[in-house]
Structure formats: structure tokens, C-alpha cells
């Protein structure tokens, strides 16, 4: 039987702390969501001043990146390049930049979604969190 790594609560805390530090270093008020490999929410935090809607968007971005096994920006680009029919894809809601998969030993073990600032800044925060795992 095959085995694979998975995200633990301790891993989620490590990611969240590093993502929060990146956001605070830049004075960005965001929500940070961490999902497992099935897109299920493991962690959600909304920093002071983050827009309420960001607490809905961040988990959707994490879910999309986890299930799609790629950054959510790819879906945004597909749509922006004219493939509007992709908007009808079932159960995928976070098709905006800011969802980044967590990859360990070639396995997508989860994803981080961030919302609250510019999409590229959301992705920067997510990547800073993932980097703290050393993955």
C-alpha cells in the first residue's frame, strides 16, 4: 500500500503563524485559510481589519488549490483568457489568485488560501506560510 504525508494541526499552526507574520510585516489585513488535501478546512483566521467577505473567499481559494492540485490563479487566467464556460465547473468557487497548494515529496497535502489585499499579495502571504514548513 502507498503512503503519503499529510498536514497536521501543528503544520497548520506553523503555516498560519508565518503567513500572519508576512501579512503583518506588510500591514495587510487578510483572512488566512488552510485546507487538507481534500479541500476541507483545517484553519481559518481573520486578522483585525480584514473585510468580512475575506473569511469566505480565503477558504474557497484554499479548497480550489487543494482539489485542483495547482494554484488557483491558473483558473483565474483560464477564465480571463476567454474560457468563460469554466465558471460552470462544479463545486469550484475560489477561482482567484491567492490559493496555493502545499506540496511535499511530490504530493499535494493541502493548500493555503488568503484574501483581503491584491491577489498577488494574497499569494505572497500564502507562499510565505508554506515556506515555513520547509516544503
N, C-alpha and C. Protein backbone atom coordinates (compact mmCIF):
# COMPACT_ATOMS: atom_id res chain seq x y z
N UNK A 1 0.84 -1.18 0.00
CA UNK A 1 0.00 0.00 0.00
C UNK A 1 0.88 1.24 0.00
N UNK A 2 0.49 2.24 -0.76
CA UNK A 2 1.20 3.51 -0.83
C UNK A 2 0.95 4.34 0.43
N UNK A 3 1.89 5.15 0.76
CA UNK A 3 1.72 6.09 1.87
C UNK A 3 2.06 7.49 1.38
N UNK A 4 1.54 8.48 2.08
CA UNK A 4 1.85 9.86 1.72
C UNK A 4 1.82 10.73 2.96
N UNK A 5 2.51 11.85 2.90
CA UNK A 5 2.48 12.78 4.04
C UNK A 5 1.13 13.48 4.11
N UNK A 6 0.82 14.07 5.24
CA UNK A 6 -0.41 14.85 5.40
C UNK A 6 -0.17 16.01 6.35
N UNK A 7 -1.04 17.00 6.27
CA UNK A 7 -0.95 18.17 7.15
C UNK A 7 -1.49 17.84 8.53
N UNK A 8 -0.75 18.19 9.55
CA UNK A 8 -1.21 18.05 10.92
C UNK A 8 -1.66 19.42 11.44
N UNK A 9 -2.28 19.43 12.58
CA UNK A 9 -2.66 20.69 13.19
C UNK A 9 -1.43 21.53 13.50
N UNK A 10 -0.35 20.88 13.92
CA UNK A 10 0.91 21.60 14.17
C UNK A 10 1.42 22.25 12.89
N UNK A 11 1.31 21.53 11.76
CA UNK A 11 1.72 22.10 10.47
C UNK A 11 0.86 23.32 10.14
N UNK A 12 -0.43 23.20 10.35
CA UNK A 12 -1.34 24.32 10.06
C UNK A 12 -0.97 25.53 10.91
N UNK A 13 -0.64 25.30 12.16
CA UNK A 13 -0.24 26.40 13.04
C UNK A 13 1.05 27.06 12.54
N UNK A 14 1.99 26.26 12.08
CA UNK A 14 3.25 26.79 11.56
C UNK A 14 3.00 27.64 10.32
N UNK A 15 2.21 27.13 9.42
CA UNK A 15 1.87 27.87 8.20
C UNK A 15 1.16 29.17 8.55
N UNK A 16 0.17 29.07 9.43
CA UNK A 16 -0.63 30.24 9.80
C UNK A 16 0.23 31.32 10.45
N UNK A 17 1.13 30.92 11.33
CA UNK A 17 1.98 31.90 12.02
C UNK A 17 2.88 32.63 11.02
N UNK A 18 3.46 31.90 10.07
CA UNK A 18 4.34 32.53 9.09
C UNK A 18 3.55 33.41 8.12
N UNK A 19 2.36 32.95 7.73
CA UNK A 19 1.52 33.76 6.85
C UNK A 19 1.07 35.03 7.56
N UNK A 20 0.67 34.90 8.81
CA UNK A 20 0.27 36.08 9.59
C UNK A 20 1.44 37.05 9.71
N UNK A 21 2.63 36.55 9.98
CA UNK A 21 3.80 37.43 10.11
C UNK A 21 4.06 38.18 8.81
N UNK A 22 3.92 37.50 7.67
CA UNK A 22 4.11 38.17 6.37
C UNK A 22 3.07 39.25 6.16
N UNK A 23 1.83 38.95 6.52
CA UNK A 23 0.76 39.94 6.36
C UNK A 23 1.01 41.15 7.27
N UNK A 24 1.35 40.90 8.51
CA UNK A 24 1.57 42.00 9.46
C UNK A 24 2.80 42.83 9.08
N UNK A 25 3.83 42.17 8.57
CA UNK A 25 5.05 42.88 8.14
C UNK A 25 4.71 43.91 7.05
N UNK A 26 3.69 43.61 6.26
CA UNK A 26 3.29 44.49 5.17
C UNK A 26 2.05 45.33 5.49
N UNK A 27 1.58 45.24 6.72
CA UNK A 27 0.37 45.95 7.14
C UNK A 27 -0.84 45.59 6.28
N UNK A 28 -0.99 44.28 6.01
CA UNK A 28 -2.11 43.79 5.21
C UNK A 28 -3.10 43.05 6.10
N UNK A 29 -4.34 43.48 6.08
CA UNK A 29 -5.40 42.84 6.85
C UNK A 29 -6.08 41.80 5.97
N UNK A 30 -5.87 40.52 6.30
CA UNK A 30 -6.36 39.44 5.47
C UNK A 30 -6.97 38.33 6.31
N UNK A 31 -7.64 37.43 5.61
CA UNK A 31 -8.04 36.14 6.19
C UNK A 31 -7.14 35.07 5.60
N UNK A 32 -6.78 34.11 6.44
CA UNK A 32 -5.88 33.02 6.06
C UNK A 32 -6.61 31.71 6.30
N UNK A 33 -6.70 30.88 5.27
CA UNK A 33 -7.35 29.58 5.39
C UNK A 33 -6.38 28.48 4.99
N UNK A 34 -6.43 27.38 5.70
CA UNK A 34 -5.60 26.22 5.38
C UNK A 34 -6.52 25.01 5.27
N UNK A 35 -6.38 24.29 4.15
CA UNK A 35 -7.22 23.12 3.90
C UNK A 35 -6.35 21.88 3.75
N UNK A 36 -6.95 20.71 4.00
CA UNK A 36 -6.24 19.45 3.77
C UNK A 36 -6.29 19.11 2.29
N UNK A 37 -5.79 17.94 1.91
CA UNK A 37 -5.72 17.57 0.50
C UNK A 37 -7.08 17.37 -0.15
N UNK A 38 -8.13 17.21 0.64
CA UNK A 38 -9.48 17.10 0.11
C UNK A 38 -10.22 18.43 0.08
N UNK A 39 -9.50 19.50 0.43
CA UNK A 39 -10.10 20.83 0.43
C UNK A 39 -10.88 21.17 1.68
N UNK A 40 -10.80 20.31 2.70
CA UNK A 40 -11.54 20.54 3.94
C UNK A 40 -10.77 21.49 4.85
N UNK A 41 -11.48 22.44 5.40
CA UNK A 41 -10.86 23.49 6.21
C UNK A 41 -10.24 22.93 7.48
N UNK A 42 -8.96 23.24 7.70
CA UNK A 42 -8.25 22.90 8.92
C UNK A 42 -8.05 24.12 9.81
N UNK A 43 -7.95 25.30 9.17
CA UNK A 43 -7.60 26.52 9.91
C UNK A 43 -8.20 27.72 9.20
N UNK A 44 -8.73 28.64 9.97
CA UNK A 44 -9.19 29.91 9.43
C UNK A 44 -8.95 30.99 10.46
N UNK A 45 -8.32 32.07 10.02
CA UNK A 45 -8.17 33.23 10.89
C UNK A 45 -8.36 34.49 10.08
N UNK A 46 -9.04 35.42 10.69
CA UNK A 46 -9.27 36.72 10.06
C UNK A 46 -8.57 37.77 10.90
N UNK A 47 -7.56 38.40 10.32
CA UNK A 47 -6.80 39.41 11.05
C UNK A 47 -7.66 40.64 11.28
N UNK A 48 -7.33 41.38 12.29
CA UNK A 48 -8.06 42.62 12.59
C UNK A 48 -8.08 43.52 11.36
N UNK A 49 -9.25 44.00 11.02
CA UNK A 49 -9.40 44.91 9.90
C UNK A 49 -9.64 44.24 8.57
N UNK A 50 -9.56 42.91 8.51
CA UNK A 50 -9.79 42.20 7.24
C UNK A 50 -11.28 42.28 6.90
N UNK A 51 -11.60 42.47 5.63
CA UNK A 51 -13.00 42.55 5.24
C UNK A 51 -13.74 41.25 5.58
N UNK A 52 -14.97 41.34 6.06
CA UNK A 52 -15.72 40.12 6.40
C UNK A 52 -15.80 39.11 5.25
N UNK A 53 -15.94 39.59 4.03
CA UNK A 53 -16.06 38.67 2.89
C UNK A 53 -14.79 37.85 2.69
N UNK A 54 -13.65 38.35 3.16
CA UNK A 54 -12.40 37.61 3.00
C UNK A 54 -12.44 36.28 3.74
N UNK A 55 -13.25 36.18 4.79
CA UNK A 55 -13.38 34.93 5.54
C UNK A 55 -14.16 33.88 4.75
N UNK A 56 -14.82 34.29 3.69
CA UNK A 56 -15.49 33.35 2.78
C UNK A 56 -14.60 33.03 1.58
N UNK A 57 -13.89 34.04 1.10
CA UNK A 57 -13.08 33.87 -0.10
C UNK A 57 -11.82 33.05 0.17
N UNK A 58 -11.14 33.27 1.28
CA UNK A 58 -9.90 32.55 1.58
C UNK A 58 -10.11 31.03 1.62
N UNK A 59 -11.13 30.52 2.32
CA UNK A 59 -11.33 29.07 2.29
C UNK A 59 -11.67 28.54 0.90
N UNK A 60 -12.39 29.33 0.10
CA UNK A 60 -12.72 28.90 -1.26
C UNK A 60 -11.46 28.79 -2.11
N UNK A 61 -10.54 29.74 -1.94
CA UNK A 61 -9.27 29.67 -2.67
C UNK A 61 -8.46 28.45 -2.23
N UNK A 62 -8.41 28.18 -0.93
CA UNK A 62 -7.67 27.01 -0.43
C UNK A 62 -8.29 25.73 -0.97
N UNK A 63 -9.61 25.64 -0.95
CA UNK A 63 -10.32 24.47 -1.47
C UNK A 63 -10.00 24.24 -2.94
N UNK A 64 -10.05 25.29 -3.72
CA UNK A 64 -9.78 25.19 -5.15
C UNK A 64 -8.35 24.72 -5.41
N UNK A 65 -7.38 25.28 -4.69
CA UNK A 65 -5.99 24.89 -4.89
C UNK A 65 -5.74 23.44 -4.45
N UNK A 66 -6.40 23.02 -3.38
CA UNK A 66 -6.23 21.65 -2.90
C UNK A 66 -6.84 20.65 -3.88
N UNK A 67 -8.07 20.88 -4.28
CA UNK A 67 -8.74 19.95 -5.18
C UNK A 67 -8.14 19.95 -6.58
N UNK A 68 -7.73 21.13 -7.04
CA UNK A 68 -7.15 21.24 -8.38
C UNK A 68 -5.69 20.86 -8.44
N UNK A 69 -5.05 20.77 -7.26
CA UNK A 69 -3.64 20.41 -7.20
C UNK A 69 -2.73 21.41 -7.90
N UNK A 70 -3.20 22.68 -7.92
CA UNK A 70 -2.41 23.75 -8.56
C UNK A 70 -2.88 25.08 -7.98
N UNK A 71 -2.12 26.13 -8.25
CA UNK A 71 -2.51 27.45 -7.75
C UNK A 71 -3.84 27.88 -8.36
N UNK A 72 -4.65 28.53 -7.57
CA UNK A 72 -5.96 28.98 -8.03
C UNK A 72 -5.85 30.03 -9.14
N UNK A 73 -4.71 30.69 -9.23
CA UNK A 73 -4.50 31.68 -10.28
C UNK A 73 -4.66 31.07 -11.67
N UNK A 74 -4.32 29.81 -11.81
CA UNK A 74 -4.43 29.15 -13.11
C UNK A 74 -5.88 29.21 -13.60
N UNK A 75 -6.82 29.01 -12.71
CA UNK A 75 -8.23 29.06 -13.10
C UNK A 75 -8.66 30.48 -13.45
N UNK A 76 -8.17 31.44 -12.69
CA UNK A 76 -8.46 32.84 -13.00
C UNK A 76 -7.94 33.18 -14.39
N UNK A 77 -6.74 32.73 -14.71
CA UNK A 77 -6.16 33.00 -16.03
C UNK A 77 -6.97 32.35 -17.14
N UNK A 78 -7.42 31.12 -16.92
CA UNK A 78 -8.24 30.42 -17.92
C UNK A 78 -9.49 31.23 -18.24
N UNK A 79 -10.13 31.71 -17.21
CA UNK A 79 -11.36 32.50 -17.39
C UNK A 79 -11.05 33.83 -18.05
N UNK A 80 -10.01 34.51 -17.57
CA UNK A 80 -9.65 35.81 -18.14
C UNK A 80 -9.20 35.71 -19.60
N UNK A 81 -8.72 34.53 -19.98
CA UNK A 81 -8.32 34.32 -21.37
C UNK A 81 -9.47 33.88 -22.26
N UNK A 82 -10.70 33.99 -21.73
CA UNK A 82 -11.86 33.78 -22.57
C UNK A 82 -12.64 32.50 -22.39
N UNK A 83 -12.16 31.58 -21.58
CA UNK A 83 -12.91 30.33 -21.40
C UNK A 83 -13.93 30.52 -20.27
N UNK A 84 -14.95 31.31 -20.58
CA UNK A 84 -15.97 31.65 -19.59
C UNK A 84 -16.76 30.43 -19.13
N UNK A 85 -16.83 29.40 -19.95
CA UNK A 85 -17.58 28.19 -19.57
C UNK A 85 -16.99 27.54 -18.33
N UNK A 86 -15.73 27.83 -18.03
CA UNK A 86 -15.12 27.24 -16.84
C UNK A 86 -15.80 27.73 -15.56
N UNK A 87 -16.51 28.84 -15.63
CA UNK A 87 -17.24 29.33 -14.47
C UNK A 87 -18.31 28.36 -14.01
N UNK A 88 -18.70 27.43 -14.89
CA UNK A 88 -19.73 26.45 -14.53
C UNK A 88 -19.14 25.18 -13.93
N UNK A 89 -17.83 25.13 -13.71
CA UNK A 89 -17.21 23.94 -13.11
C UNK A 89 -17.85 23.69 -11.74
N UNK A 90 -18.25 22.46 -11.47
CA UNK A 90 -18.95 22.17 -10.22
C UNK A 90 -18.06 22.27 -8.99
N UNK A 91 -18.61 22.79 -7.93
CA UNK A 91 -18.01 22.91 -6.59
C UNK A 91 -16.70 23.67 -6.52
N UNK A 92 -16.36 24.42 -7.55
CA UNK A 92 -15.15 25.24 -7.51
C UNK A 92 -15.58 26.70 -7.45
N UNK A 93 -15.27 27.35 -6.34
CA UNK A 93 -15.71 28.73 -6.16
C UNK A 93 -14.57 29.73 -6.06
N UNK A 94 -13.40 29.28 -5.66
CA UNK A 94 -12.30 30.20 -5.40
C UNK A 94 -11.35 30.33 -6.57
N UNK A 95 -11.86 30.73 -7.70
CA UNK A 95 -11.04 30.80 -8.91
C UNK A 95 -10.40 32.17 -9.07
N UNK A 96 -9.70 32.59 -8.01
CA UNK A 96 -8.97 33.85 -7.97
C UNK A 96 -7.57 33.57 -7.43
N UNK A 97 -6.60 34.35 -7.84
CA UNK A 97 -5.25 34.17 -7.33
C UNK A 97 -5.24 34.31 -5.81
N UNK A 98 -4.43 33.50 -5.16
CA UNK A 98 -4.32 33.56 -3.70
C UNK A 98 -4.49 32.22 -3.04
N UNK A 99 -4.77 31.17 -3.82
CA UNK A 99 -4.81 29.80 -3.32
C UNK A 99 -3.58 29.06 -3.82
N UNK A 100 -2.80 28.48 -2.89
CA UNK A 100 -1.53 27.85 -3.24
C UNK A 100 -1.47 26.46 -2.61
N UNK A 101 -1.19 25.44 -3.42
CA UNK A 101 -1.10 24.09 -2.84
C UNK A 101 0.15 23.91 -2.00
N UNK A 102 0.05 23.03 -1.01
CA UNK A 102 1.20 22.63 -0.20
C UNK A 102 1.66 21.29 -0.77
N UNK A 103 2.89 21.26 -1.27
CA UNK A 103 3.41 20.07 -1.92
C UNK A 103 4.61 19.54 -1.14
N UNK A 104 4.54 18.26 -0.76
CA UNK A 104 5.62 17.60 -0.02
C UNK A 104 5.92 16.28 -0.72
N UNK A 105 7.16 16.09 -1.09
CA UNK A 105 7.59 14.86 -1.77
C UNK A 105 6.72 14.54 -2.98
N UNK A 106 6.32 15.58 -3.70
CA UNK A 106 5.51 15.39 -4.90
C UNK A 106 4.03 15.19 -4.64
N UNK A 107 3.62 15.19 -3.39
CA UNK A 107 2.21 15.01 -3.02
C UNK A 107 1.60 16.35 -2.61
N UNK A 108 0.43 16.67 -3.15
CA UNK A 108 -0.32 17.83 -2.66
C UNK A 108 -1.01 17.38 -1.38
N UNK A 109 -0.61 17.97 -0.27
CA UNK A 109 -1.14 17.55 1.03
C UNK A 109 -2.12 18.57 1.60
N UNK A 110 -2.38 19.63 0.86
CA UNK A 110 -3.30 20.66 1.31
C UNK A 110 -3.06 21.93 0.53
N UNK A 111 -3.61 23.02 1.04
CA UNK A 111 -3.46 24.31 0.37
C UNK A 111 -3.71 25.44 1.35
N UNK A 112 -3.19 26.59 0.98
CA UNK A 112 -3.40 27.82 1.75
C UNK A 112 -4.13 28.81 0.85
N UNK A 113 -5.16 29.42 1.38
CA UNK A 113 -5.88 30.46 0.67
C UNK A 113 -5.86 31.74 1.48
N UNK A 114 -5.60 32.84 0.83
CA UNK A 114 -5.55 34.14 1.51
C UNK A 114 -6.40 35.12 0.73
N UNK A 115 -7.10 35.99 1.45
CA UNK A 115 -7.93 37.02 0.81
C UNK A 115 -7.92 38.27 1.67
N UNK A 116 -7.93 39.42 0.99
CA UNK A 116 -8.03 40.68 1.71
C UNK A 116 -7.26 41.82 1.09
N UNK A 117 -6.24 41.47 0.29
CA UNK A 117 -5.47 42.51 -0.39
C UNK A 117 -5.43 42.16 -1.88
N UNK A 118 -4.51 42.75 -2.63
CA UNK A 118 -4.40 42.41 -4.05
C UNK A 118 -4.10 40.92 -4.18
N UNK A 119 -4.59 40.30 -5.24
CA UNK A 119 -4.44 38.86 -5.40
C UNK A 119 -3.00 38.39 -5.36
N UNK A 120 -2.08 39.13 -5.99
CA UNK A 120 -0.68 38.72 -5.96
C UNK A 120 -0.11 38.82 -4.54
N UNK A 121 -0.62 39.76 -3.75
CA UNK A 121 -0.19 39.88 -2.35
C UNK A 121 -0.77 38.75 -1.51
N UNK A 122 -2.02 38.36 -1.82
CA UNK A 122 -2.62 37.20 -1.15
C UNK A 122 -1.73 35.98 -1.38
N UNK A 123 -1.31 35.77 -2.63
CA UNK A 123 -0.46 34.62 -2.97
C UNK A 123 0.89 34.72 -2.26
N UNK A 124 1.44 35.92 -2.16
CA UNK A 124 2.72 36.12 -1.46
C UNK A 124 2.61 35.67 -0.01
N UNK A 125 1.51 36.01 0.64
CA UNK A 125 1.29 35.62 2.03
C UNK A 125 1.17 34.10 2.14
N UNK A 126 0.40 33.50 1.24
CA UNK A 126 0.23 32.04 1.26
C UNK A 126 1.57 31.34 1.09
N UNK A 127 2.37 31.80 0.15
CA UNK A 127 3.66 31.18 -0.12
C UNK A 127 4.63 31.34 1.06
N UNK A 128 4.55 32.48 1.74
CA UNK A 128 5.39 32.69 2.93
C UNK A 128 5.01 31.69 4.03
N UNK A 129 3.72 31.43 4.16
CA UNK A 129 3.28 30.44 5.14
C UNK A 129 3.78 29.05 4.82
N UNK A 130 3.64 28.67 3.56
CA UNK A 130 4.06 27.33 3.13
C UNK A 130 5.58 27.18 3.28
N UNK A 131 6.32 28.23 3.01
CA UNK A 131 7.78 28.18 3.12
C UNK A 131 8.23 27.83 4.53
N UNK A 132 7.43 28.19 5.52
CA UNK A 132 7.79 27.91 6.91
C UNK A 132 7.82 26.41 7.20
N UNK A 133 7.14 25.62 6.39
CA UNK A 133 7.18 24.16 6.57
C UNK A 133 8.49 23.58 6.06
N UNK A 134 9.18 24.35 5.24
CA UNK A 134 10.40 23.84 4.63
C UNK A 134 10.09 22.87 3.50
N UNK A 135 8.86 22.96 2.99
CA UNK A 135 8.43 22.04 1.92
C UNK A 135 8.83 22.55 0.55
